Amino acid sequence: MRRAAYLTPGRDLATAVELARRVEALGYESVWVTHGLGRDSFLVLAAYGAATTRLGLGVGVVPIYPRHPVAMAQAALTLAEATGGRFTLGIGVSHRAMIEGMLGLALDAPLAVMREYVAVLRGALGAGADFEGRHFRVRWSLALPERPVPPRIHLAALTHKMLELAGEIADGAILWLCPPAYVRDVALPALERGRKRAGKTLSGFEVVAAVPLAVTGDVAGARAALRVELARYLALPFYRAMLEASGLGPDVRAFDRDGEVPETLADALGTVGDAAAARAYVAAYRDAGVTLPAIRPIAFPDAPWYRRTLEEAAAW
């Protein structure tokens, strides 16, 4: 069965590069990194690409507001060329806390901006961008004697409107913290509606879902690490809305009341414990319609269960 892995470096990039080699040897189809607040994702993937020969390389995802679509296209084309066409570009609108609070930019009209952004991006990845819209006005062409093969474009999506847009204009969608039931009941129908708007079906459309796991005997330690991670996302409105729509509203309100992530919410959004439970959780995502489950060991490669989780999941 197809499987991918998320491998975002922790305190040591060299450790993550070595793990990328191991992931390739274990037969994973691709390895993915996040961008967010850490290292530059394109440079991390370039390091992974230099250390491997066939492993797919995906970013899930780069925020669009800080980077012009032409600059995004140039970086993506260069990385795709340098890695022999193994790169997949994932983009997203991010969150107000980051775009406005941290970077001082304006997160306005995310759906409209994303639609125009992808239009400019596809042009810049191809023959050139000649676009006049409300948010972007671009006249640009790539000055190379031969154009590299462009990467596929995936959109990060949580709400039904962004999921529909992903289905309409992208080659795939990237999901994070969406429980299997939400994938089945909300995400897949929304993606299908978007595909229909574009006159297409879901055939060939990639649905990537990061699956938080820890195969370990240290259940308390791994669950505590997961709850620390989840607390960051529970402060973000897009995630809160998705969790409400997943039927997890009481847990969200319990977090607001107590300041701690409830055990029931952690259990719904990840699995900690033995390999059988973790394998069943991955299977639930496949059954829900995810085409590429991406094993996402909890915390960073420094965590004692990280390598074991990747090793165990290689057989699923």
C-alpha atoms as a PDB file:
ATOM      1  CA  MET A   1       0.000   0.000   0.000  1.00  0.00           C
ATOM      2  CA  ARG A   2       1.064   3.579  -0.604  1.00  0.00           C
ATOM      3  CA  ARG A   3       2.457   5.472   2.353  1.00  0.00           C
ATOM      4  CA  ALA A   4       4.370   8.664   3.011  1.00  0.00           C
ATOM      5  CA  ALA A   5       6.036  10.160   6.064  1.00  0.00           C
ATOM      6  CA  TYR A   6       6.326  13.600   7.597  1.00  0.00           C
ATOM      7  CA  LEU A   7       9.901  14.283   8.638  1.00  0.00           C
ATOM      8  CA  THR A   8      10.294  17.792  10.020  1.00  0.00           C
ATOM      9  CA  PRO A   9      13.770  18.240  11.551  1.00  0.00           C
ATOM     10  CA  GLY A  10      14.204  18.861  15.241  1.00  0.00           C
ATOM     11  CA  ARG A  11      17.329  20.208  16.880  1.00  0.00           C
ATOM     12  CA  ASP A  12      19.661  18.565  14.351  1.00  0.00           C
ATOM     13  CA  LEU A  13      19.178  18.670  10.566  1.00  0.00           C
ATOM     14  CA  ALA A  14      21.753  15.912   9.997  1.00  0.00           C
ATOM     15  CA  THR A  15      19.626  13.465  12.007  1.00  0.00           C
ATOM     16  CA  ALA A  16      16.627  14.199   9.811  1.00  0.00           C
ATOM     17  CA  VAL A  17      18.690  13.741   6.629  1.00  0.00           C
ATOM     18  CA  GLU A  18      19.833  10.341   7.868  1.00  0.00           C
ATOM     19  CA  LEU A  19      16.227   9.446   8.636  1.00  0.00           C
ATOM     20  CA  ALA A  20      15.246  10.449   5.101  1.00  0.00           C
ATOM     21  CA  ARG A  21      17.695   7.851   3.785  1.00  0.00           C
ATOM     22  CA  ARG A  22      16.152   5.296   6.119  1.00  0.00           C
ATOM     23  CA  VAL A  23      12.613   6.210   5.034  1.00  0.00           C
ATOM     24  CA  GLU A  24      13.612   5.630   1.417  1.00  0.00           C
ATOM     25  CA  ALA A  25      15.168   2.248   2.278  1.00  0.00           C
ATOM     26  CA  LEU A  26      11.966   1.268   4.120  1.00  0.00           C
ATOM     27  CA  GLY A  27       9.952   1.752   0.916  1.00  0.00           C
ATOM     28  CA  TYR A  28       8.042   4.917   1.690  1.00  0.00           C
ATOM     29  CA  GLU A  29       6.771   6.680  -1.416  1.00  0.00           C
ATOM     30  CA  SER A  30       7.568  10.204  -0.283  1.00  0.00           C
ATOM     31  CA  VAL A  31       8.687  12.344   2.620  1.00  0.00           C
ATOM     32  CA  TRP A  32       7.027  15.635   3.594  1.00  0.00           C
ATOM     33  CA  VAL A  33       8.040  18.621   5.688  1.00  0.00           C
ATOM     34  CA  THR A  34       6.156  21.539   7.166  1.00  0.00           C
ATOM     35  CA  HIS A  35       7.241  25.162   6.786  1.00  0.00           C
ATOM     36  CA  GLY A  36       5.680  27.202   9.574  1.00  0.00           C
ATOM     37  CA  LEU A  37       8.091  28.507  12.199  1.00  0.00           C
ATOM     38  CA  GLY A  38      11.075  26.274  11.537  1.00  0.00           C
ATOM     39  CA  ARG A  39      13.714  25.875   8.854  1.00  0.00           C
ATOM     40  CA  ASP A  40      13.128  26.817   5.236  1.00  0.00           C
ATOM     41  CA  SER A  41      11.225  23.838   3.844  1.00  0.00           C
ATOM     42  CA  PHE A  42      12.664  24.100   0.315  1.00  0.00           C
ATOM     43  CA  LEU A  43      16.219  23.925   1.631  1.00  0.00           C
ATOM     44  CA  VAL A  44      15.384  21.002   3.924  1.00  0.00           C
ATOM     45  CA  LEU A  45      13.890  19.108   0.972  1.00  0.00           C
ATOM     46  CA  ALA A  46      16.949  19.921  -1.131  1.00  0.00           C
ATOM     47  CA  ALA A  47      19.050  18.249   1.577  1.00  0.00           C
ATOM     48  CA  TYR A  48      16.743  15.232   1.603  1.00  0.00           C
ATOM     49  CA  GLY A  49      16.851  15.077  -2.179  1.00  0.00           C
ATOM     50  CA  ALA A  50      20.645  15.117  -2.243  1.00  0.00           C
ATOM     51  CA  ALA A  51      20.713  12.225   0.228  1.00  0.00           C
ATOM     52  CA  THR A  52      18.190  10.021  -1.640  1.00  0.00           C
ATOM     53  CA  THR A  53      17.592   8.821  -5.175  1.00  0.00           C
ATOM     54  CA  ARG A  54      13.909   7.941  -5.661  1.00  0.00           C
ATOM     55  CA  LEU A  55      12.062   9.294  -2.632  1.00  0.00           C
ATOM     56  CA  GLY A  56       9.307  11.801  -3.425  1.00  0.00           C
ATOM     57  CA  LEU A  57       9.676  15.174  -1.708  1.00  0.00           C
ATOM     58  CA  GLY A  58       6.702  17.251  -0.615  1.00  0.00           C
ATOM     59  CA  VAL A  59       6.177  20.450   1.315  1.00  0.00           C
ATOM     60  CA  GLY A  60       2.996  20.595   3.299  1.00  0.00           C
ATOM     61  CA  VAL A  61       2.695  23.532   3.264  1.00  0.00           C
ATOM     62  CA  VAL A  62       4.263  26.918   2.413  1.00  0.00           C
ATOM     63  CA  PRO A  63       2.169  29.984   3.387  1.00  0.00           C
ATOM     64  CA  ILE A  64       1.281  32.060   0.334  1.00  0.00           C
ATOM     65  CA  TYR A  65       1.041  35.572   1.771  1.00  0.00           C
ATOM     66  CA  PRO A  66       4.761  36.121   2.535  1.00  0.00           C
ATOM     67  CA  ARG A  67       5.892  34.862  -0.895  1.00  0.00           C
ATOM     68  CA  HIS A  68       4.851  36.192  -4.298  1.00  0.00           C
ATOM     69  CA  PRO A  69       3.562  33.420  -6.602  1.00  0.00           C
ATOM     70  CA  VAL A  70       6.366  34.099  -9.102  1.00  0.00           C
ATOM     71  CA  ALA A  71       8.984  33.712  -6.352  1.00  0.00           C
ATOM     72  CA  MET A  72       7.216  30.537  -5.255  1.00  0.00           C
ATOM     73  CA  ALA A  73       7.311  29.226  -8.831  1.00  0.00           C
ATOM     74  CA  GLN A  74      11.016  29.954  -9.214  1.00  0.00           C
ATOM     75  CA  ALA A  75      11.869  28.105  -6.002  1.00  0.00           C
ATOM     76  CA  ALA A  76       9.573  25.205  -6.859  1.00  0.00           C
ATOM     77  CA  LEU A  77      10.923  24.805 -10.395  1.00  0.00           C
ATOM     78  CA  THR A  78      14.509  24.896  -9.139  1.00  0.00           C
ATOM     79  CA  LEU A  79      13.843  22.271  -6.474  1.00  0.00           C
ATOM     80  CA  ALA A  80      11.928  20.066  -8.914  1.00  0.00           C
ATOM     81  CA  GLU A  81      14.775  20.258 -11.405  1.00  0.00           C
ATOM     82  CA  ALA A  82      17.465  19.641  -8.778  1.00  0.00           C
ATOM     83  CA  THR A  83      15.680  16.506  -7.503  1.00  0.00           C
ATOM     84  CA  GLY A  84      14.782  14.975 -10.835  1.00  0.00           C
ATOM     85  CA  GLY A  85      11.094  15.871 -10.727  1.00  0.00           C
ATOM     86  CA  ARG A  86      10.482  14.373  -7.292  1.00  0.00           C
ATOM     87  CA  PHE A  87       9.030  17.536  -5.720  1.00  0.00           C
ATOM     88  CA  THR A  88       5.374  18.300  -4.903  1.00  0.00           C
ATOM     89  CA  LEU A  89       4.424  21.851  -3.912  1.00  0.00           C
ATOM     90  CA  GLY A  90       1.900  22.283  -1.114  1.00  0.00           C
ATOM     91  CA  ILE A  91       0.624  25.789  -0.351  1.00  0.00           C
ATOM     92  CA  GLY A  92      -1.821  27.248   2.156  1.00  0.00           C
ATOM     93  CA  VAL A  93      -3.162  30.513   3.540  1.00  0.00           C
ATOM     94  CA  SER A  94      -1.815  29.857   7.072  1.00  0.00           C
ATOM     95  CA  HIS A  95      -3.480  31.725   9.983  1.00  0.00           C
ATOM     96  CA  ARG A  96      -3.959  35.280  11.177  1.00  0.00           C
ATOM     97  CA  ALA A  97      -1.802  34.638  14.241  1.00  0.00           C
ATOM     98  CA  MET A  98       1.174  34.028  11.961  1.00  0.00           C
ATOM     99  CA  ILE A  99       0.488  36.207   8.917  1.00  0.00           C
ATOM    100  CA  GLU A 100      -0.781  39.270  10.780  1.00  0.00           C
ATOM    101  CA  GLY A 101       0.429  38.824  14.357  1.00  0.00           C
ATOM    102  CA  MET A 102       3.964  37.623  13.580  1.00  0.00           C
ATOM    103  CA  LEU A 103       4.708  38.924  10.079  1.00  0.00           C
ATOM    104  CA  GLY A 104       2.639  42.106   9.990  1.00  0.00           C
ATOM    105  CA  LEU A 105       0.919  41.197   6.723  1.00  0.00           C
ATOM    106  CA  ALA A 106      -2.811  41.213   6.004  1.00  0.00           C
ATOM    107  CA  LEU A 107      -4.642  37.899   5.647  1.00  0.00           C
ATOM    108  CA  ASP A 108      -7.486  39.188   3.473  1.00  0.00           C
ATOM    109  CA  ALA A 109      -9.988  37.278   1.340  1.00  0.00           C
ATOM    110  CA  PRO A 110      -8.192  33.916   1.600  1.00  0.00           C
ATOM    111  CA  LEU A 111     -10.365  32.086  -0.946  1.00  0.00           C
ATOM    112  CA  ALA A 112     -10.134  34.829  -3.560  1.00  0.00           C
ATOM    113  CA  VAL A 113      -6.413  35.324  -2.987  1.00  0.00           C
ATOM    114  CA  MET A 114      -5.751  31.587  -3.238  1.00  0.00           C
ATOM    115  CA  ARG A 115      -7.685  31.322  -6.502  1.00  0.00           C
ATOM    116  CA  GLU A 116      -5.680  34.142  -8.083  1.00  0.00           C
ATOM    117  CA  TYR A 117      -2.433  32.902  -6.528  1.00  0.00           C
ATOM    118  CA  VAL A 118      -2.777  29.483  -8.141  1.00  0.00           C
ATOM    119  CA  ALA A 119      -3.648  31.055 -11.497  1.00  0.00           C
ATOM    120  CA  VAL A 120      -0.458  33.141 -11.405  1.00  0.00           C
ATOM    121  CA  LEU A 121       1.552  30.213 -10.040  1.00  0.00           C
ATOM    122  CA  ARG A 122       0.474  27.851 -12.810  1.00  0.00           C
ATOM    123  CA  GLY A 123       1.396  30.460 -15.401  1.00  0.00           C
ATOM    124  CA  ALA A 124       4.794  31.069 -13.813  1.00  0.00           C
ATOM    125  CA  LEU A 125       5.428  27.324 -13.637  1.00  0.00           C
ATOM    126  CA  GLY A 126       4.653  27.056 -17.334  1.00  0.00           C
ATOM    127  CA  ALA A 127       4.884  29.400 -20.303  1.00  0.00           C
ATOM    128  CA  GLY A 128       4.619  32.538 -18.175  1.00  0.00           C
ATOM    129  CA  ALA A 129       2.239  34.543 -16.034  1.00  0.00           C
ATOM    130  CA  ASP A 130       0.048  37.132 -17.731  1.00  0.00           C
ATOM    131  CA  PHE A 131      -2.632  37.881 -15.168  1.00  0.00           C
ATOM    132  CA  GLU A 132      -4.791  40.833 -14.191  1.00  0.00           C
ATOM    133  CA  GLY A 133      -6.908  40.321 -11.091  1.00  0.00           C
ATOM    134  CA  ARG A 134      -8.004  42.065  -7.941  1.00  0.00           C
ATOM    135  CA  HIS A 135      -5.093  40.820  -5.848  1.00  0.00           C
ATOM    136  CA  PHE A 136      -2.354  40.166  -8.416  1.00  0.00           C
ATOM    137  CA  ARG A 137      -1.232  41.913 -11.600  1.00  0.00           C
ATOM    138  CA  VAL A 138       1.636  40.001 -13.154  1.00  0.00           C
ATOM    139  CA  ARG A 139       3.533  40.014 -16.458  1.00  0.00           C
ATOM    140  CA  TRP A 140       6.383  37.560 -16.151  1.00  0.00           C
ATOM    141  CA  SER A 141       8.092  34.795 -18.128  1.00  0.00           C
ATOM    142  CA  LEU A 142      10.854  32.386 -17.224  1.00  0.00           C
ATOM    143  CA  ALA A 143      14.146  33.270 -18.926  1.00  0.00           C
ATOM    144  CA  LEU A 144      15.520  29.760 -19.432  1.00  0.00           C
ATOM    145  CA  PRO A 145      16.265  28.041 -22.742  1.00  0.00           C
ATOM    146  CA  GLU A 146      14.227  25.036 -21.625  1.00  0.00           C
ATOM    147  CA  ARG A 147      11.536  24.971 -18.954  1.00  0.00           C
ATOM    148  CA  PRO A 148      11.782  22.335 -16.194  1.00  0.00           C
ATOM    149  CA  VAL A 149       8.799  20.025 -15.678  1.00  0.00           C
ATOM    150  CA  PRO A 150       6.549  21.810 -13.152  1.00  0.00           C
ATOM    151  CA  PRO A 151       5.615  20.162  -9.851  1.00  0.00           C
ATOM    152  CA  ARG A 152       2.076  19.231  -8.900  1.00  0.00           C
ATOM    153  CA  ILE A 153       0.230  21.756  -6.719  1.00  0.00           C
ATOM    154  CA  HIS A 154      -1.601  20.717  -3.554  1.00  0.00           C
ATOM    155  CA  LEU A 155      -3.649  22.993  -1.309  1.00  0.00           C
ATOM    156  CA  ALA A 156      -3.912  22.809   2.456  1.00  0.00           C
ATOM    157  CA  ALA A 157      -7.605  22.725   3.266  1.00  0.00           C
ATOM    158  CA  LEU A 158      -9.740  22.417   6.395  1.00  0.00           C
ATOM    159  CA  THR A 159     -13.079  24.145   5.749  1.00  0.00           C
ATOM    160  CA  HIS A 160     -15.536  22.984   3.112  1.00  0.00           C
ATOM    161  CA  LYS A 161     -15.029  26.145   1.026  1.00  0.00           C
ATOM    162  CA  MET A 162     -11.248  25.726   0.814  1.00  0.00           C
ATOM    163  CA  LEU A 163     -11.720  22.000   0.179  1.00  0.00           C
ATOM    164  CA  GLU A 164     -14.034  22.795  -2.726  1.00  0.00           C
ATOM    165  CA  LEU A 165     -11.498  25.262  -4.097  1.00  0.00           C
ATOM    166  CA  ALA A 166      -8.747  22.656  -3.792  1.00  0.00           C
ATOM    167  CA  GLY A 167     -10.854  20.198  -5.749  1.00  0.00           C
ATOM    168  CA  GLU A 168     -11.483  22.801  -8.420  1.00  0.00           C
ATOM    169  CA  ILE A 169      -8.026  24.286  -9.019  1.00  0.00           C
ATOM    170  CA  ALA A 170      -5.397  21.988  -7.488  1.00  0.00           C
ATOM    171  CA  ASP A 171      -3.904  18.556  -8.114  1.00  0.00           C
ATOM    172  CA  GLY A 172      -4.364  17.429  -4.531  1.00  0.00           C
ATOM    173  CA  ALA A 173      -5.289  18.429  -0.986  1.00  0.00           C
ATOM    174  CA  ILE A 174      -3.304  18.226   2.242  1.00  0.00           C
ATOM    175  CA  LEU A 175      -5.153  17.567   5.500  1.00  0.00           C
ATOM    176  CA  TRP A 176      -3.925  17.938   9.071  1.00  0.00           C
ATOM    177  CA  LEU A 177      -5.763  17.054  12.276  1.00  0.00           C
ATOM    178  CA  CYS A 178      -8.861  16.057  10.322  1.00  0.00           C
ATOM    179  CA  PRO A 179     -10.288  12.898  11.962  1.00  0.00           C
ATOM    180  CA  PRO A 180     -11.188  10.028   9.600  1.00  0.00           C
ATOM    181  CA  ALA A 181     -14.922  10.695   9.949  1.00  0.00           C
ATOM    182  CA  TYR A 182     -14.389  14.335   8.901  1.00  0.00           C
ATOM    183  CA  VAL A 183     -12.425  13.167   5.866  1.00  0.00           C
ATOM    184  CA  ARG A 184     -15.244  10.810   4.874  1.00  0.00           C
ATOM    185  CA  ASP A 185     -18.252  13.011   5.659  1.00  0.00           C
ATOM    186  CA  VAL A 186     -16.990  16.539   4.934  1.00  0.00           C
ATOM    187  CA  ALA A 187     -13.670  16.648   3.086  1.00  0.00           C
ATOM    188  CA  LEU A 188     -14.289  14.085   0.346  1.00  0.00           C
ATOM    189  CA  PRO A 189     -17.764  15.397  -0.589  1.00  0.00           C
ATOM    190  CA  ALA A 190     -16.408  18.970  -0.693  1.00  0.00           C
ATOM    191  CA  LEU A 191     -13.451  17.950  -2.837  1.00  0.00           C
ATOM    192  CA  GLU A 192     -15.808  16.112  -5.160  1.00  0.00           C
ATOM    193  CA  ARG A 193     -18.012  19.202  -5.507  1.00  0.00           C
ATOM    194  CA  GLY A 194     -14.962  21.213  -6.477  1.00  0.00           C
ATOM    195  CA  ARG A 195     -13.877  18.633  -9.013  1.00  0.00           C
ATOM    196  CA  LYS A 196     -17.334  18.685 -10.569  1.00  0.00           C
ATOM    197  CA  ARG A 197     -17.124  22.468 -10.925  1.00  0.00           C
ATOM    198  CA  ALA A 198     -13.974  21.917 -12.961  1.00  0.00           C
ATOM    199  CA  GLY A 199     -15.593  19.137 -14.999  1.00  0.00           C
ATOM    200  CA  LYS A 200     -13.405  16.490 -13.369  1.00  0.00           C
ATOM    201  CA  THR A 201     -13.717  13.512 -11.034  1.00  0.00           C
ATOM    202  CA  LEU A 202     -11.648  12.579  -7.997  1.00  0.00           C
ATOM    203  CA  SER A 203      -9.731  10.086 -10.126  1.00  0.00           C
ATOM    204  CA  GLY A 204      -6.053  11.004  -9.957  1.00  0.00           C
ATOM    205  CA  PHE A 205      -6.638  13.668  -7.309  1.00  0.00           C
ATOM    206  CA  GLU A 206      -4.305  13.146  -4.335  1.00  0.00           C
ATOM    207  CA  VAL A 207      -5.632  13.378  -0.780  1.00  0.00           C
ATOM    208  CA  VAL A 208      -2.719  13.525   1.640  1.00  0.00           C
ATOM    209  CA  ALA A 209      -3.430  13.295   5.364  1.00  0.00           C
ATOM    210  CA  ALA A 210      -0.823  13.588   8.073  1.00  0.00           C
ATOM    211  CA  VAL A 211      -1.489  10.864  10.659  1.00  0.00           C
ATOM    212  CA  PRO A 212      -0.045  11.561  14.149  1.00  0.00           C
ATOM    213  CA  LEU A 213       1.329   8.357  15.674  1.00  0.00           C
ATOM    214  CA  ALA A 214       3.679   7.079  18.341  1.00  0.00           C
ATOM    215  CA  VAL A 215       4.414   3.372  18.582  1.00  0.00           C
ATOM    216  CA  THR A 216       5.886   3.178  22.050  1.00  0.00           C
ATOM    217  CA  GLY A 217       5.661   1.710  25.500  1.00  0.00           C
ATOM    218  CA  ASP A 218       5.927   5.221  26.921  1.00  0.00           C
ATOM    219  CA  VAL A 219       2.246   5.984  26.395  1.00  0.00           C
ATOM    220  CA  ALA A 220       2.144   8.747  28.998  1.00  0.00           C
ATOM    221  CA  GLY A 221       5.163  10.551  27.547  1.00  0.00           C
ATOM    222  CA  ALA A 222       3.998  10.374  23.944  1.00  0.00           C
ATOM    223  CA  ARG A 223       0.436  11.383  24.776  1.00  0.00           C
ATOM    224  CA  ALA A 224       1.740  14.350  26.758  1.00  0.00           C
ATOM    225  CA  ALA A 225       3.823  15.400  23.750  1.00  0.00           C
ATOM    226  CA  LEU A 226       0.770  15.136  21.499  1.00  0.00           C
ATOM    227  CA  ARG A 227      -1.337  17.236  23.856  1.00  0.00           C
ATOM    228  CA  VAL A 228       1.358  19.940  23.880  1.00  0.00           C
ATOM    229  CA  GLU A 229       1.288  20.005  20.073  1.00  0.00           C
ATOM    230  CA  LEU A 230      -2.496  20.112  19.899  1.00  0.00           C
ATOM    231  CA  ALA A 231      -2.718  23.075  22.281  1.00  0.00           C
ATOM    232  CA  ARG A 232      -1.069  25.303  19.642  1.00  0.00           C
ATOM    233  CA  TYR A 233      -3.713  24.452  17.059  1.00  0.00           C
ATOM    234  CA  LEU A 234      -6.662  24.883  19.379  1.00  0.00           C
ATOM    235  CA  ALA A 235      -5.894  28.599  19.484  1.00  0.00           C
ATOM    236  CA  LEU A 236      -6.387  28.903  15.695  1.00  0.00           C
ATOM    237  CA  PRO A 237      -9.895  29.613  14.342  1.00  0.00           C
ATOM    238  CA  PHE A 238      -9.613  27.480  11.169  1.00  0.00           C
ATOM    239  CA  TYR A 239      -8.776  24.408  13.227  1.00  0.00           C
ATOM    240  CA  ARG A 240     -11.398  25.159  15.833  1.00  0.00           C
ATOM    241  CA  ALA A 241     -14.084  25.414  13.142  1.00  0.00           C
ATOM    242  CA  MET A 242     -12.991  22.114  11.612  1.00  0.00           C
ATOM    243  CA  LEU A 243     -12.996  20.375  15.001  1.00  0.00           C
ATOM    244  CA  GLU A 244     -16.467  21.740  15.743  1.00  0.00           C
ATOM    245  CA  ALA A 245     -17.653  20.329  12.416  1.00  0.00           C
ATOM    246  CA  SER A 246     -16.031  17.010  13.364  1.00  0.00           C
ATOM    247  CA  GLY A 247     -18.266  16.722  16.424  1.00  0.00           C
ATOM    248  CA  LEU A 248     -15.410  17.604  18.787  1.00  0.00           C
ATOM    249  CA  GLY A 249     -16.898  20.889  19.963  1.00  0.00           C
ATOM    250  CA  PRO A 250     -17.330  19.724  23.592  1.00  0.00           C
ATOM    251  CA  ASP A 251     -13.598  18.954  23.731  1.00  0.00           C
ATOM    252  CA  VAL A 252     -12.749  22.370  22.299  1.00  0.00           C
ATOM    253  CA  ARG A 253     -14.910  24.035  24.941  1.00  0.00           C
ATOM    254  CA  ALA A 254     -13.321  21.884  27.648  1.00  0.00           C
ATOM    255  CA  PHE A 255      -9.928  23.153  26.493  1.00  0.00           C
ATOM    256  CA  ASP A 256     -11.198  26.736  26.702  1.00  0.00           C
ATOM    257  CA  ARG A 257     -12.482  26.112  30.208  1.00  0.00           C
ATOM    258  CA  ASP A 258      -9.572  24.130  31.661  1.00  0.00           C
ATOM    259  CA  GLY A 259      -6.598  25.262  29.589  1.00  0.00           C
ATOM    260  CA  GLU A 260      -5.620  21.654  28.899  1.00  0.00           C
ATOM    261  CA  VAL A 261      -6.200  19.401  25.880  1.00  0.00           C
ATOM    262  CA  PRO A 262      -8.685  16.691  26.936  1.00  0.00           C
ATOM    263  CA  GLU A 263      -7.535  13.086  26.661  1.00  0.00           C
ATOM    264  CA  THR A 264     -10.560  12.341  24.482  1.00  0.00           C
ATOM    265  CA  LEU A 265      -9.488  14.960  21.951  1.00  0.00           C
ATOM    266  CA  ALA A 266      -5.928  13.637  21.842  1.00  0.00           C
ATOM    267  CA  ASP A 267      -7.298  10.121  21.282  1.00  0.00           C
ATOM    268  CA  ALA A 268      -9.480  11.362  18.404  1.00  0.00           C
ATOM    269  CA  LEU A 269      -6.622  13.132  16.598  1.00  0.00           C
ATOM    270  CA  GLY A 270      -3.750  10.690  17.016  1.00  0.00           C
ATOM    271  CA  THR A 271      -2.842   7.250  18.281  1.00  0.00           C
ATOM    272  CA  VAL A 272      -0.284   6.355  20.933  1.00  0.00           C
ATOM    273  CA  GLY A 273       0.567   2.834  22.014  1.00  0.00           C
ATOM    274  CA  ASP A 274       1.094  -0.460  20.260  1.00  0.00           C
ATOM    275  CA  ALA A 275       1.563  -1.113  16.563  1.00  0.00           C
ATOM    276  CA  ALA A 276      -1.854  -2.741  16.123  1.00  0.00           C
ATOM    277  CA  ALA A 277      -3.715   0.365  17.300  1.00  0.00           C
ATOM    278  CA  ALA A 278      -1.571   2.637  15.141  1.00  0.00           C
ATOM    279  CA  ARG A 279      -2.086   0.432  12.094  1.00  0.00           C
ATOM    280  CA  ALA A 280      -5.858   0.484  12.618  1.00  0.00           C
ATOM    281  CA  TYR A 281      -5.802   4.286  12.796  1.00  0.00           C
ATOM    282  CA  VAL A 282      -3.950   4.528   9.474  1.00  0.00           C
ATOM    283  CA  ALA A 283      -6.420   2.062   7.954  1.00  0.00           C
ATOM    284  CA  ALA A 284      -9.299   4.277   9.094  1.00  0.00           C
ATOM    285  CA  TYR A 285      -7.862   7.148   7.042  1.00  0.00           C
ATOM    286  CA  ARG A 286      -7.523   4.941   3.984  1.00  0.00           C
ATOM    287  CA  ASP A 287     -11.081   3.704   4.410  1.00  0.00           C
ATOM    288  CA  ALA A 288     -12.270   7.325   4.689  1.00  0.00           C
ATOM    289  CA  GLY A 289     -10.828   8.159   1.252  1.00  0.00           C
ATOM    290  CA  VAL A 290      -7.278   9.337   1.918  1.00  0.00           C
ATOM    291  CA  THR A 291      -5.124   8.273  -1.037  1.00  0.00           C
ATOM    292  CA  LEU A 292      -1.778   8.912   0.657  1.00  0.00           C
ATOM    293  CA  PRO A 293      -1.613   8.598   4.455  1.00  0.00           C
ATOM    294  CA  ALA A 294       1.538  10.332   5.701  1.00  0.00           C
ATOM    295  CA  ILE A 295       2.858   8.847   8.927  1.00  0.00           C
ATOM    296  CA  ARG A 296       3.634  11.778  11.181  1.00  0.00           C
ATOM    297  CA  PRO A 297       5.481  10.618  14.300  1.00  0.00           C
ATOM    298  CA  ILE A 298       4.562  12.787  17.263  1.00  0.00           C
ATOM    299  CA  ALA A 299       7.067  15.535  18.138  1.00  0.00           C
ATOM    300  CA  PHE A 300      10.466  15.653  16.379  1.00  0.00           C
ATOM    301  CA  PRO A 301      13.111  13.085  15.359  1.00  0.00           C
ATOM    302  CA  ASP A 302      14.723  13.531  18.772  1.00  0.00           C
ATOM    303  CA  ALA A 303      11.726  11.777  20.369  1.00  0.00           C
ATOM    304  CA  PRO A 304      12.564   8.205  21.475  1.00  0.00           C
ATOM    305  CA  TRP A 305       9.590   6.696  19.625  1.00  0.00           C
ATOM    306  CA  TYR A 306      10.123   8.545  16.320  1.00  0.00           C
ATOM    307  CA  ARG A 307      12.293   6.016  14.470  1.00  0.00           C
ATOM    308  CA  ARG A 308      10.386   3.028  15.813  1.00  0.00           C
ATOM    309  CA  THR A 309       7.115   4.501  14.580  1.00  0.00           C
ATOM    310  CA  LEU A 310       8.519   4.936  11.058  1.00  0.00           C
ATOM    311  CA  GLU A 311       9.971   1.417  11.115  1.00  0.00           C
ATOM    312  CA  GLU A 312       6.729  -0.197  12.266  1.00  0.00           C
ATOM    313  CA  ALA A 313       4.565   1.727   9.828  1.00  0.00           C
ATOM    314  CA  ALA A 314       6.716   0.738   6.842  1.00  0.00           C
ATOM    315  CA  ALA A 315       4.944  -2.637   6.742  1.00  0.00           C
ATOM    316  CA  TRP A 316       1.364  -1.281   6.748  1.00  0.00           C
END
